[in-house]
C-alpha atoms as a PDB file:
ATOM      1  CA  MET A   1      99.894 100.860 103.044  1.00  0.00           C
ATOM      2  CA  HIS A   2     101.265  97.529 101.615  1.00  0.00           C
ATOM      3  CA  LYS A   3     100.413  94.188 103.640  1.00  0.00           C
ATOM      4  CA  ILE A   4     103.791  93.343 105.394  1.00  0.00           C
ATOM      5  CA  SER A   5     104.691  89.799 104.716  1.00  0.00           C
ATOM      6  CA  GLU A   6     105.394  86.935 107.092  1.00  0.00           C
ATOM      7  CA  SER A   7     108.853  86.588 105.475  1.00  0.00           C
ATOM      8  CA  SER A   8     109.568  90.259 106.026  1.00  0.00           C
ATOM      9  CA  ILE A   9     108.543  89.651 109.799  1.00  0.00           C
ATOM     10  CA  GLU A  10     110.858  86.387 110.129  1.00  0.00           C
ATOM     11  CA  THR A  11     113.747  88.215 108.611  1.00  0.00           C
ATOM     12  CA  ILE A  12     113.646  90.765 111.609  1.00  0.00           C
ATOM     13  CA  LEU A  13     112.861  88.156 114.351  1.00  0.00           C
ATOM     14  CA  VAL A  14     115.858  86.353 113.171  1.00  0.00           C
ATOM     15  CA  ARG A  15     117.815  89.131 113.134  1.00  0.00           C
ATOM     16  CA  TYR A  16     116.724  90.217 116.643  1.00  0.00           C
ATOM     17  CA  GLU A  17     118.221  86.827 118.009  1.00  0.00           C
ATOM     18  CA  ASP A  18     121.513  88.882 118.203  1.00  0.00           C
ATOM     19  CA  SER A  19     120.859  91.531 120.477  1.00  0.00           C
ATOM     20  CA  LEU A  20     123.077  93.965 119.217  1.00  0.00           C
ATOM     21  CA  SER A  21     120.842  94.339 116.001  1.00  0.00           C
ATOM     22  CA  LEU A  22     118.042  94.628 118.479  1.00  0.00           C
ATOM     23  CA  GLN A  23     119.607  97.703 120.281  1.00  0.00           C
ATOM     24  CA  ASN A  24     120.676  99.249 117.030  1.00  0.00           C
ATOM     25  CA  ASP A  25     117.279  99.330 115.862  1.00  0.00           C
ATOM     26  CA  ARG A  26     116.028 100.633 119.259  1.00  0.00           C
ATOM     27  CA  ASN A  27     118.271 103.480 119.243  1.00  0.00           C
ATOM     28  CA  HIS A  28     117.681 104.125 115.608  1.00  0.00           C
ATOM     29  CA  ILE A  29     114.080 104.381 116.376  1.00  0.00           C
ATOM     30  CA  GLU A  30     114.506 106.670 119.533  1.00  0.00           C
ATOM     31  CA  LEU A  31     116.559 108.745 117.441  1.00  0.00           C
ATOM     32  CA  ASN A  32     113.850 109.023 114.792  1.00  0.00           C
ATOM     33  CA  TYR A  33     110.737 109.098 116.963  1.00  0.00           C
ATOM     34  CA  PRO A  34     111.836 110.597 120.317  1.00  0.00           C
ATOM     35  CA  ASP A  35     108.164 111.705 120.879  1.00  0.00           C
ATOM     36  CA  PHE A  36     106.601 108.719 120.213  1.00  0.00           C
ATOM     37  CA  TYR A  37     109.489 106.642 121.982  1.00  0.00           C
ATOM     38  CA  LYS A  38     108.503 108.900 124.935  1.00  0.00           C
ATOM     39  CA  ILE A  39     104.711 107.883 124.674  1.00  0.00           C
ATOM     40  CA  LEU A  40     105.797 104.405 125.104  1.00  0.00           C
ATOM     41  CA  ILE A  41     107.681 104.990 128.285  1.00  0.00           C
ATOM     42  CA  ARG A  42     104.935 107.416 129.840  1.00  0.00           C
ATOM     43  CA  GLU A  43     103.615 107.385 133.439  1.00  0.00           C
ATOM     44  CA  ASP A  44     100.395 105.593 132.987  1.00  0.00           C
ATOM     45  CA  PHE A  45     102.743 102.788 132.077  1.00  0.00           C
ATOM     46  CA  GLU A  46     103.787 102.742 135.663  1.00  0.00           C
ATOM     47  CA  ILE A  47     101.305  99.492 136.136  1.00  0.00           C
ATOM     48  CA  LEU A  48     103.196  97.380 133.552  1.00  0.00           C
ATOM     49  CA  THR A  49     106.375  95.393 134.536  1.00  0.00           C
ATOM     50  CA  GLU A  50     109.675  95.996 133.272  1.00  0.00           C
ATOM     51  CA  GLU A  51     109.119  92.718 131.287  1.00  0.00           C
ATOM     52  CA  GLU A  52     105.935  93.996 129.658  1.00  0.00           C
ATOM     53  CA  ILE A  53     107.480  97.497 128.937  1.00  0.00           C
ATOM     54  CA  ASP A  54     110.351  95.510 127.007  1.00  0.00           C
ATOM     55  CA  THR A  55     107.717  93.562 125.290  1.00  0.00           C
ATOM     56  CA  LEU A  56     105.658  96.955 124.351  1.00  0.00           C
ATOM     57  CA  LEU A  57     109.044  98.308 122.799  1.00  0.00           C
ATOM     58  CA  TYR A  58     110.135  95.092 121.056  1.00  0.00           C
ATOM     59  CA  LEU A  59     106.675  94.822 119.267  1.00  0.00           C
ATOM     60  CA  PHE A  60     106.654  98.503 118.411  1.00  0.00           C
ATOM     61  CA  GLN A  61     110.181  97.968 116.958  1.00  0.00           C
ATOM     62  CA  ILE A  62     109.078  94.820 114.979  1.00  0.00           C
ATOM     63  CA  VAL A  63     105.975  96.881 113.455  1.00  0.00           C
ATOM     64  CA  THR A  64     108.151  99.585 113.028  1.00  0.00           C
ATOM     65  CA  ILE A  65     110.850  98.198 111.034  1.00  0.00           C
ATOM     66  CA  SER A  66     108.859  95.753 109.010  1.00  0.00           C
ATOM     67  CA  ILE A  67     106.926  98.514 107.932  1.00  0.00           C
ATOM     68  CA  GLN A  68     110.510 100.333 107.110  1.00  0.00           C
ATOM     69  CA  GLN A  69     111.641  97.496 105.234  1.00  0.00           C
ATOM     70  CA  GLU A  70     108.506  97.015 103.049  1.00  0.00           C
ATOM     71  CA  ILE A  71     108.191 100.751 102.167  1.00  0.00           C
ATOM     72  CA  GLN A  72     112.258 101.457 101.977  1.00  0.00           C
ATOM     73  CA  VAL A  73     111.903 104.482 104.277  1.00  0.00           C
ATOM     74  CA  LEU A  74     111.252 105.134 107.837  1.00  0.00           C
ATOM     75  CA  PRO A  75     107.762 105.778 107.933  1.00  0.00           C
ATOM     76  CA  LYS A  76     106.441 109.020 109.198  1.00  0.00           C
ATOM     77  CA  PHE A  77     104.112 108.846 112.502  1.00  0.00           C
ATOM     78  CA  ASP A  78     101.433 111.142 113.518  1.00  0.00           C
ATOM     79  CA  ILE A  79     101.009 111.307 117.372  1.00  0.00           C
ATOM     80  CA  GLN A  80      97.773 112.956 117.230  1.00  0.00           C
ATOM     81  CA  LYS A  81      96.401 110.240 115.177  1.00  0.00           C
ATOM     82  CA  PHE A  82      97.917 107.460 117.295  1.00  0.00           C
ATOM     83  CA  ASP A  83      96.336 109.055 120.232  1.00  0.00           C
ATOM     84  CA  GLU A  84      92.949 109.036 118.418  1.00  0.00           C
ATOM     85  CA  ASN A  85      93.128 105.582 117.546  1.00  0.00           C
ATOM     86  CA  GLU A  86      94.235 104.669 121.168  1.00  0.00           C
ATOM     87  CA  GLU A  87      91.436 106.443 122.748  1.00  0.00           C
ATOM     88  CA  LYS A  88      89.138 104.872 120.207  1.00  0.00           C
ATOM     89  CA  LEU A  89      90.272 101.342 120.690  1.00  0.00           C
ATOM     90  CA  TRP A  90      90.195 101.597 124.358  1.00  0.00           C
ATOM     91  CA  GLY A  91      86.588 102.838 123.972  1.00  0.00           C
ATOM     92  CA  ASN A  92      85.581  99.665 121.990  1.00  0.00           C
ATOM     93  CA  TYR A  93      87.257  97.489 124.088  1.00  0.00           C
ATOM     94  CA  GLN A  94      85.789  98.500 127.158  1.00  0.00           C
ATOM     95  CA  ASP A  95      82.480  99.453 125.911  1.00  0.00           C
ATOM     96  CA  LYS A  96      82.262  95.904 124.285  1.00  0.00           C
ATOM     97  CA  GLN A  97      83.377  94.271 127.149  1.00  0.00           C
ATOM     98  CA  ARG A  98      85.568  92.288 124.855  1.00  0.00           C
ATOM     99  CA  THR A  99      88.058  89.368 126.130  1.00  0.00           C
ATOM    100  CA  LEU A 100      91.468  89.428 124.308  1.00  0.00           C
ATOM    101  CA  LYS A 101      90.342  86.741 121.969  1.00  0.00           C
ATOM    102  CA  LYS A 102      87.412  88.280 120.875  1.00  0.00           C
ATOM    103  CA  ALA A 103      89.192  91.566 120.358  1.00  0.00           C
ATOM    104  CA  PHE A 104      91.870  89.709 118.085  1.00  0.00           C
ATOM    105  CA  ASP A 105      89.181  87.981 116.188  1.00  0.00           C
ATOM    106  CA  ASP A 106      87.665  91.591 115.531  1.00  0.00           C
ATOM    107  CA  TYR A 107      91.055  93.157 114.475  1.00  0.00           C
ATOM    108  CA  PHE A 108      91.826  90.143 112.104  1.00  0.00           C
ATOM    109  CA  SER A 109      88.408  90.685 110.332  1.00  0.00           C
ATOM    110  CA  SER A 110      88.957  94.768 110.144  1.00  0.00           C
ATOM    111  CA  ILE A 111      92.805  95.309 109.842  1.00  0.00           C
ATOM    112  CA  ASP A 112      94.766  94.443 106.658  1.00  0.00           C
ATOM    113  CA  GLN A 113      97.985  93.794 108.484  1.00  0.00           C
ATOM    114  CA  GLU A 114      97.192  90.009 109.151  1.00  0.00           C
ATOM    115  CA  GLU A 115     100.806  89.264 109.785  1.00  0.00           C
ATOM    116  CA  LEU A 116     101.825  91.922 112.148  1.00  0.00           C
ATOM    117  CA  LEU A 117      98.628  91.246 114.165  1.00  0.00           C
ATOM    118  CA  ALA A 118      99.619  87.309 114.293  1.00  0.00           C
ATOM    119  CA  VAL A 119     102.823  88.341 115.860  1.00  0.00           C
ATOM    120  CA  LEU A 120     101.171  90.408 118.443  1.00  0.00           C
ATOM    121  CA  GLU A 121      98.552  87.817 119.140  1.00  0.00           C
ATOM    122  CA  ASP A 122     101.250  85.326 119.405  1.00  0.00           C
ATOM    123  CA  THR A 123     103.344  87.042 121.801  1.00  0.00           C
ATOM    124  CA  LEU A 124     100.374  87.712 124.050  1.00  0.00           C
ATOM    125  CA  THR A 125      98.760  84.366 124.092  1.00  0.00           C
ATOM    126  CA  ASP A 126     101.480  81.870 123.683  1.00  0.00           C
ATOM    127  CA  ASP A 127     102.443  80.755 127.090  1.00  0.00           C
ATOM    128  CA  THR A 128     103.762  77.314 125.958  1.00  0.00           C
ATOM    129  CA  GLU A 129     107.386  78.121 126.138  1.00  0.00           C
ATOM    130  CA  GLU A 130     108.994  77.487 129.363  1.00  0.00           C
ATOM    131  CA  ASP A 131     111.005  80.398 129.108  1.00  0.00           C
ATOM    132  CA  SER A 132     108.292  83.125 128.064  1.00  0.00           C
ATOM    133  CA  ILE A 133     107.869  86.092 130.191  1.00  0.00           C
ATOM    134  CA  VAL A 134     104.611  86.283 132.215  1.00  0.00           C
ATOM    135  CA  ILE A 135     102.393  88.848 131.047  1.00  0.00           C
ATOM    136  CA  SER A 136      99.543  90.074 133.222  1.00  0.00           C
ATOM    137  CA  SER A 137      96.168  90.276 131.909  1.00  0.00           C
ATOM    138  CA  VAL A 138      96.133  94.131 132.323  1.00  0.00           C
ATOM    139  CA  GLY A 139      99.767  94.452 130.828  1.00  0.00           C
ATOM    140  CA  LYS A 140      98.132  92.234 127.392  1.00  0.00           C
ATOM    141  CA  GLU A 141      95.478  94.450 127.388  1.00  0.00           C
ATOM    142  CA  VAL A 142      97.532  97.702 127.482  1.00  0.00           C
ATOM    143  CA  ILE A 143     100.216  96.079 124.825  1.00  0.00           C
ATOM    144  CA  MET A 144      97.543  94.803 122.379  1.00  0.00           C
ATOM    145  CA  ILE A 145      95.495  98.173 122.394  1.00  0.00           C
ATOM    146  CA  VAL A 146      99.178 100.492 121.979  1.00  0.00           C
ATOM    147  CA  ILE A 147     100.660  98.024 119.130  1.00  0.00           C
ATOM    148  CA  VAL A 148      97.124  97.628 117.226  1.00  0.00           C
ATOM    149  CA  ALA A 149      96.915 101.744 117.406  1.00  0.00           C
ATOM    150  CA  VAL A 150     100.451 101.872 116.100  1.00  0.00           C
ATOM    151  CA  ILE A 151      99.463  99.696 113.148  1.00  0.00           C
ATOM    152  CA  LEU A 152      96.350 101.480 112.500  1.00  0.00           C
ATOM    153  CA  THR A 153      98.389 104.719 112.662  1.00  0.00           C
ATOM    154  CA  TYR A 154     101.014 103.688 109.948  1.00  0.00           C
ATOM    155  CA  ASP A 155      98.163 101.847 108.096  1.00  0.00           C
ATOM    156  CA  ALA A 156      96.170 105.199 107.349  1.00  0.00           C
ATOM    157  CA  LEU A 157      99.314 107.395 106.867  1.00  0.00           C
ATOM    158  CA  ASN A 158     101.708 105.570 104.793  1.00  0.00           C
END
């Protein structure tokens, strides 16, 4: 898949300052990916707060819409491949007892979508803004693994 540019992502981030655009894209994704959307709100995410689930959905949306804009179609998505990627990422993360920082260092060196990873990393590690959402350490791990699995799945299929 093509590398997603910083300017493509920035365009989406600016557009999402308008909550109507954010909601329209969310509805579009939910309509086109009903099975995947259900995975994002699955039972084992009960450990996540409402804000953490919103962050997960927001990041999924940024990744999906960025890719859609880059390749001019809504990318296909393979749920089985996603599950495999997620399971592998969890295994590596737990086996190597990684920290969030170490995991991101590894992802940046092995995944070609640096700009998407940068948005994810910034979202999960930048707590400098006064109005930033507090995300628990478990929430950060879950969001990181799921979104990296999404990126890997798109990257392999499109």
